[in-house]
PDB file of N, CA and C in Angstrom:
ATOM      1  N   MET A   1       8.040  -0.088 -28.781  1.00  0.00           N
ATOM      2  CA  MET A   1       7.919   0.901 -27.737  1.00  0.00           C
ATOM      3  C   MET A   1       6.685   0.576 -26.904  1.00  0.00           C
ATOM      4  N   LYS A   2       6.829   0.625 -25.610  1.00  0.00           N
ATOM      5  CA  LYS A   2       5.746   0.281 -24.704  1.00  0.00           C
ATOM      6  C   LYS A   2       5.183   1.538 -24.058  1.00  0.00           C
ATOM      7  N   HIS A   3       3.900   1.766 -24.174  1.00  0.00           N
ATOM      8  CA  HIS A   3       3.251   2.910 -23.547  1.00  0.00           C
ATOM      9  C   HIS A   3       2.407   2.403 -22.388  1.00  0.00           C
ATOM     10  N   SER A   4       2.590   3.014 -21.224  1.00  0.00           N
ATOM     11  CA  SER A   4       1.827   2.632 -20.047  1.00  0.00           C
ATOM     12  C   SER A   4       1.029   3.826 -19.557  1.00  0.00           C
ATOM     13  N   PRO A   5      -0.261   3.673 -19.436  1.00  0.00           N
ATOM     14  CA  PRO A   5      -1.057   4.797 -18.957  1.00  0.00           C
ATOM     15  C   PRO A   5      -0.827   5.042 -17.470  1.00  0.00           C
ATOM     16  N   PRO A   6      -0.906   6.288 -17.065  1.00  0.00           N
ATOM     17  CA  PRO A   6      -0.773   6.589 -15.645  1.00  0.00           C
ATOM     18  C   PRO A   6      -2.008   6.135 -14.875  1.00  0.00           C
ATOM     19  N   PRO A   7      -1.983   6.173 -13.543  1.00  0.00           N
ATOM     20  CA  PRO A   7      -3.164   5.788 -12.763  1.00  0.00           C
ATOM     21  C   PRO A   7      -4.386   6.594 -13.194  1.00  0.00           C
ATOM     22  N   THR A   8      -5.556   5.971 -13.203  1.00  0.00           N
ATOM     23  CA  THR A   8      -6.740   6.636 -13.738  1.00  0.00           C
ATOM     24  C   THR A   8      -7.796   6.950 -12.692  1.00  0.00           C
ATOM     25  N   THR A   9      -7.477   6.882 -11.420  1.00  0.00           N
ATOM     26  CA  THR A   9      -8.444   7.212 -10.392  1.00  0.00           C
ATOM     27  C   THR A   9      -8.865   8.666 -10.569  1.00  0.00           C
ATOM     28  N   LYS A  10     -10.169   8.906 -10.634  1.00  0.00           N
ATOM     29  CA  LYS A  10     -10.664  10.251 -10.920  1.00  0.00           C
ATOM     30  C   LYS A  10     -10.299  11.262  -9.844  1.00  0.00           C
ATOM     31  N   ARG A  11     -10.108  10.798  -8.617  1.00  0.00           N
ATOM     32  CA  ARG A  11      -9.794  11.715  -7.531  1.00  0.00           C
ATOM     33  C   ARG A  11      -8.357  12.222  -7.595  1.00  0.00           C
ATOM     34  N   ILE A  12      -7.507  11.562  -8.356  1.00  0.00           N
ATOM     35  CA  ILE A  12      -6.120  11.985  -8.458  1.00  0.00           C
ATOM     36  C   ILE A  12      -6.027  13.093  -9.504  1.00  0.00           C
ATOM     37  N   GLY A  13      -5.466  14.229  -9.128  1.00  0.00           N
ATOM     38  CA  GLY A  13      -5.283  15.341 -10.060  1.00  0.00           C
ATOM     39  C   GLY A  13      -4.168  15.056 -11.041  1.00  0.00           C
ATOM     40  N   ARG A  14      -4.066  15.893 -12.038  1.00  0.00           N
ATOM     41  CA  ARG A  14      -3.059  15.687 -13.089  1.00  0.00           C
ATOM     42  C   ARG A  14      -1.632  15.803 -12.557  1.00  0.00           C
ATOM     43  N   VAL A  15      -1.395  16.715 -11.623  1.00  0.00           N
ATOM     44  CA  VAL A  15      -0.049  16.834 -11.062  1.00  0.00           C
ATOM     45  C   VAL A  15       0.302  15.558 -10.313  1.00  0.00           C
ATOM     46  N   GLU A  16      -0.641  15.049  -9.548  1.00  0.00           N
ATOM     47  CA  GLU A  16      -0.413  13.804  -8.834  1.00  0.00           C
ATOM     48  C   GLU A  16      -0.229  12.643  -9.806  1.00  0.00           C
ATOM     49  N   GLN A  17      -0.937  12.667 -10.933  1.00  0.00           N
ATOM     50  CA  GLN A  17      -0.751  11.633 -11.955  1.00  0.00           C
ATOM     51  C   GLN A  17       0.667  11.691 -12.517  1.00  0.00           C
ATOM     52  N   ALA A  18       1.155  12.899 -12.777  1.00  0.00           N
ATOM     53  CA  ALA A  18       2.512  13.051 -13.308  1.00  0.00           C
ATOM     54  C   ALA A  18       3.540  12.550 -12.296  1.00  0.00           C
ATOM     55  N   GLU A  19       3.338  12.880 -11.028  1.00  0.00           N
ATOM     56  CA  GLU A  19       4.251  12.411  -9.986  1.00  0.00           C
ATOM     57  C   GLU A  19       4.217  10.887  -9.868  1.00  0.00           C
ATOM     58  N   ALA A  20       3.042  10.313  -9.892  1.00  0.00           N
ATOM     59  CA  ALA A  20       2.900   8.857  -9.803  1.00  0.00           C
ATOM     60  C   ALA A  20       3.526   8.182 -11.019  1.00  0.00           C
ATOM     61  N   ALA A  21       3.360   8.797 -12.179  1.00  0.00           N
ATOM     62  CA  ALA A  21       3.938   8.245 -13.408  1.00  0.00           C
ATOM     63  C   ALA A  21       5.457   8.246 -13.330  1.00  0.00           C
ATOM     64  N   LEU A  22       6.043   9.314 -12.780  1.00  0.00           N
ATOM     65  CA  LEU A  22       7.494   9.378 -12.639  1.00  0.00           C
ATOM     66  C   LEU A  22       7.990   8.299 -11.683  1.00  0.00           C
ATOM     67  N   VAL A  23       7.311   8.120 -10.565  1.00  0.00           N
ATOM     68  CA  VAL A  23       7.694   7.085  -9.608  1.00  0.00           C
ATOM     69  C   VAL A  23       7.634   5.712 -10.268  1.00  0.00           C
ATOM     70  N   ARG A  24       6.557   5.456 -11.002  1.00  0.00           N
ATOM     71  CA  ARG A  24       6.388   4.169 -11.690  1.00  0.00           C
ATOM     72  C   ARG A  24       7.484   3.950 -12.734  1.00  0.00           C
ATOM     73  N   LEU A  25       7.770   5.002 -13.498  1.00  0.00           N
ATOM     74  CA  LEU A  25       8.786   4.919 -14.536  1.00  0.00           C
ATOM     75  C   LEU A  25      10.163   4.637 -13.933  1.00  0.00           C
ATOM     76  N   LEU A  26      10.487   5.313 -12.845  1.00  0.00           N
ATOM     77  CA  LEU A  26      11.766   5.071 -12.182  1.00  0.00           C
ATOM     78  C   LEU A  26      11.839   3.656 -11.612  1.00  0.00           C
ATOM     79  N   ALA A  27      10.743   3.162 -11.061  1.00  0.00           N
ATOM     80  CA  ALA A  27      10.723   1.806 -10.518  1.00  0.00           C
ATOM     81  C   ALA A  27      10.937   0.764 -11.615  1.00  0.00           C
ATOM     82  N   GLU A  28      10.341   1.004 -12.786  1.00  0.00           N
ATOM     83  CA  GLU A  28      10.453   0.045 -13.892  1.00  0.00           C
ATOM     84  C   GLU A  28      11.849   0.036 -14.508  1.00  0.00           C
ATOM     85  N   THR A  29      12.519   1.187 -14.507  1.00  0.00           N
ATOM     86  CA  THR A  29      13.779   1.293 -15.244  1.00  0.00           C
ATOM     87  C   THR A  29      15.019   1.291 -14.361  1.00  0.00           C
ATOM     88  N   SER A  30      14.866   1.451 -13.067  1.00  0.00           N
ATOM     89  CA  SER A  30      16.020   1.499 -12.161  1.00  0.00           C
ATOM     90  C   SER A  30      16.390   0.114 -11.653  1.00  0.00           C
ATOM     91  N   LYS A  31      16.263  -0.857 -12.504  1.00  0.00           N
ATOM     92  CA  LYS A  31      16.583  -2.232 -12.141  1.00  0.00           C
ATOM     93  C   LYS A  31      17.838  -2.663 -12.874  1.00  0.00           C
ATOM     94  N   ARG A  32      18.627  -3.466 -12.196  1.00  0.00           N
ATOM     95  CA  ARG A  32      19.816  -4.016 -12.831  1.00  0.00           C
ATOM     96  C   ARG A  32      19.383  -4.814 -14.062  1.00  0.00           C
ATOM     97  N   GLY A  33      20.068  -4.597 -15.157  1.00  0.00           N
ATOM     98  CA  GLY A  33      19.756  -5.319 -16.381  1.00  0.00           C
ATOM     99  C   GLY A  33      18.885  -4.544 -17.355  1.00  0.00           C
ATOM    100  N   PHE A  34      18.358  -3.376 -16.930  1.00  0.00           N
ATOM    101  CA  PHE A  34      17.566  -2.573 -17.867  1.00  0.00           C
ATOM    102  C   PHE A  34      18.507  -1.699 -18.675  1.00  0.00           C
ATOM    103  N   PHE A  35      18.406  -1.799 -19.985  1.00  0.00           N
ATOM    104  CA  PHE A  35      19.137  -0.946 -20.909  1.00  0.00           C
ATOM    105  C   PHE A  35      18.111  -0.356 -21.850  1.00  0.00           C
ATOM    106  N   GLY A  36      18.068   0.954 -21.983  1.00  0.00           N
ATOM    107  CA  GLY A  36      17.110   1.564 -22.893  1.00  0.00           C
ATOM    108  C   GLY A  36      16.826   3.004 -22.537  1.00  0.00           C
ATOM    109  N   ALA A  37      15.628   3.441 -22.885  1.00  0.00           N
ATOM    110  CA  ALA A  37      15.223   4.829 -22.671  1.00  0.00           C
ATOM    111  C   ALA A  37      13.869   4.865 -21.987  1.00  0.00           C
ATOM    112  N   ALA A  38      13.673   5.908 -21.213  1.00  0.00           N
ATOM    113  CA  ALA A  38      12.399   6.124 -20.534  1.00  0.00           C
ATOM    114  C   ALA A  38      11.979   7.575 -20.760  1.00  0.00           C
ATOM    115  N   THR A  39      10.693   7.776 -21.018  1.00  0.00           N
ATOM    116  CA  THR A  39      10.197   9.111 -21.314  1.00  0.00           C
ATOM    117  C   THR A  39       8.945   9.406 -20.500  1.00  0.00           C
ATOM    118  N   LEU A  40       8.910  10.580 -19.899  1.00  0.00           N
ATOM    119  CA  LEU A  40       7.719  11.105 -19.240  1.00  0.00           C
ATOM    120  C   LEU A  40       7.390  12.408 -19.945  1.00  0.00           C
ATOM    121  N   SER A  41       6.196  12.511 -20.477  1.00  0.00           N
ATOM    122  CA  SER A  41       5.793  13.751 -21.145  1.00  0.00           C
ATOM    123  C   SER A  41       4.371  14.101 -20.743  1.00  0.00           C
ATOM    124  N   PHE A  42       4.075  15.363 -20.792  1.00  0.00           N
ATOM    125  CA  PHE A  42       2.709  15.789 -20.523  1.00  0.00           C
ATOM    126  C   PHE A  42       2.371  16.966 -21.400  1.00  0.00           C
ATOM    127  N   ASN A  43       1.110  17.011 -21.822  1.00  0.00           N
ATOM    128  CA  ASN A  43       0.597  18.101 -22.640  1.00  0.00           C
ATOM    129  C   ASN A  43      -0.054  19.127 -21.726  1.00  0.00           C
ATOM    130  N   VAL A  44       0.271  20.388 -21.966  1.00  0.00           N
ATOM    131  CA  VAL A  44      -0.250  21.468 -21.138  1.00  0.00           C
ATOM    132  C   VAL A  44      -1.017  22.445 -22.030  1.00  0.00           C
ATOM    133  N   GLN A  45      -2.207  22.817 -21.581  1.00  0.00           N
ATOM    134  CA  GLN A  45      -3.003  23.829 -22.270  1.00  0.00           C
ATOM    135  C   GLN A  45      -3.460  24.848 -21.242  1.00  0.00           C
ATOM    136  N   ASP A  46      -3.148  26.087 -21.491  1.00  0.00           N
ATOM    137  CA  ASP A  46      -3.547  27.183 -20.617  1.00  0.00           C
ATOM    138  C   ASP A  46      -3.088  26.946 -19.177  1.00  0.00           C
ATOM    139  N   GLY A  47      -1.880  26.418 -19.029  1.00  0.00           N
ATOM    140  CA  GLY A  47      -1.318  26.214 -17.706  1.00  0.00           C
ATOM    141  C   GLY A  47      -1.805  24.976 -16.967  1.00  0.00           C
ATOM    142  N   ARG A  48      -2.605  24.154 -17.606  1.00  0.00           N
ATOM    143  CA  ARG A  48      -3.126  22.941 -16.964  1.00  0.00           C
ATOM    144  C   ARG A  48      -2.647  21.708 -17.719  1.00  0.00           C
ATOM    145  N   ILE A  49      -2.242  20.707 -16.956  1.00  0.00           N
ATOM    146  CA  ILE A  49      -1.821  19.447 -17.560  1.00  0.00           C
ATOM    147  C   ILE A  49      -3.066  18.736 -18.076  1.00  0.00           C
ATOM    148  N   GLN A  50      -3.063  18.427 -19.355  1.00  0.00           N
ATOM    149  CA  GLN A  50      -4.197  17.763 -19.989  1.00  0.00           C
ATOM    150  C   GLN A  50      -3.988  16.259 -20.113  1.00  0.00           C
ATOM    151  N   GLN A  51      -2.741  15.853 -20.338  1.00  0.00           N
ATOM    152  CA  GLN A  51      -2.463  14.443 -20.592  1.00  0.00           C
ATOM    153  C   GLN A  51      -1.055  14.104 -20.115  1.00  0.00           C
ATOM    154  N   VAL A  52      -0.915  12.962 -19.478  1.00  0.00           N
ATOM    155  CA  VAL A  52       0.381  12.480 -19.005  1.00  0.00           C
ATOM    156  C   VAL A  52       0.680  11.180 -19.743  1.00  0.00           C
ATOM    157  N   ARG A  53       1.905  11.069 -20.273  1.00  0.00           N
ATOM    158  CA  ARG A  53       2.307   9.856 -20.993  1.00  0.00           C
ATOM    159  C   ARG A  53       3.649   9.377 -20.466  1.00  0.00           C
ATOM    160  N   ILE A  54       3.759   8.063 -20.351  1.00  0.00           N
ATOM    161  CA  ILE A  54       5.053   7.470 -20.046  1.00  0.00           C
ATOM    162  C   ILE A  54       5.337   6.399 -21.096  1.00  0.00           C
ATOM    163  N   ALA A  55       6.608   6.246 -21.398  1.00  0.00           N
ATOM    164  CA  ALA A  55       7.014   5.239 -22.377  1.00  0.00           C
ATOM    165  C   ALA A  55       8.378   4.697 -21.989  1.00  0.00           C
ATOM    166  N   THR A  56       8.570   3.415 -22.223  1.00  0.00           N
ATOM    167  CA  THR A  56       9.901   2.815 -22.051  1.00  0.00           C
ATOM    168  C   THR A  56      10.254   2.081 -23.330  1.00  0.00           C
ATOM    169  N   GLU A  57      11.514   2.149 -23.642  1.00  0.00           N
ATOM    170  CA  GLU A  57      12.028   1.431 -24.803  1.00  0.00           C
ATOM    171  C   GLU A  57      13.245   0.665 -24.322  1.00  0.00           C
ATOM    172  N   GLN A  58      13.164  -0.639 -24.384  1.00  0.00           N
ATOM    173  CA  GLN A  58      14.227  -1.470 -23.849  1.00  0.00           C
ATOM    174  C   GLN A  58      15.119  -1.976 -24.972  1.00  0.00           C
ATOM    175  N   THR A  59      16.417  -1.903 -24.751  1.00  0.00           N
ATOM    176  CA  THR A  59      17.395  -2.422 -25.683  1.00  0.00           C
ATOM    177  C   THR A  59      17.804  -3.816 -25.220  1.00  0.00           C
ATOM    178  N   LEU A  60      17.735  -4.773 -26.119  1.00  0.00           N
ATOM    179  CA  LEU A  60      18.124  -6.139 -25.778  1.00  0.00           C
ATOM    180  C   LEU A  60      19.621  -6.298 -25.993  1.00  0.00           C
ATOM    181  N   LYS A  61      20.282  -6.814 -24.987  1.00  0.00           N
ATOM    182  CA  LYS A  61      21.731  -7.014 -25.081  1.00  0.00           C
ATOM    183  C   LYS A  61      22.061  -8.471 -24.953  1.00  0.00           C
TER     184      LYS A  61
END
């Protein structure tokens, strides 16, 4: 399983990080020949996003 951290620029807020992570995840997996799973998750505490995670798992065919 491959974990890729979202962009880490301090000026980017957590919502923007989640949006950027989704765009990146879609770009990585929306290619012909990709078979597998993609996950975007985020931890929320008191209504604020604390951590954004993306993961891809590729199936070899």
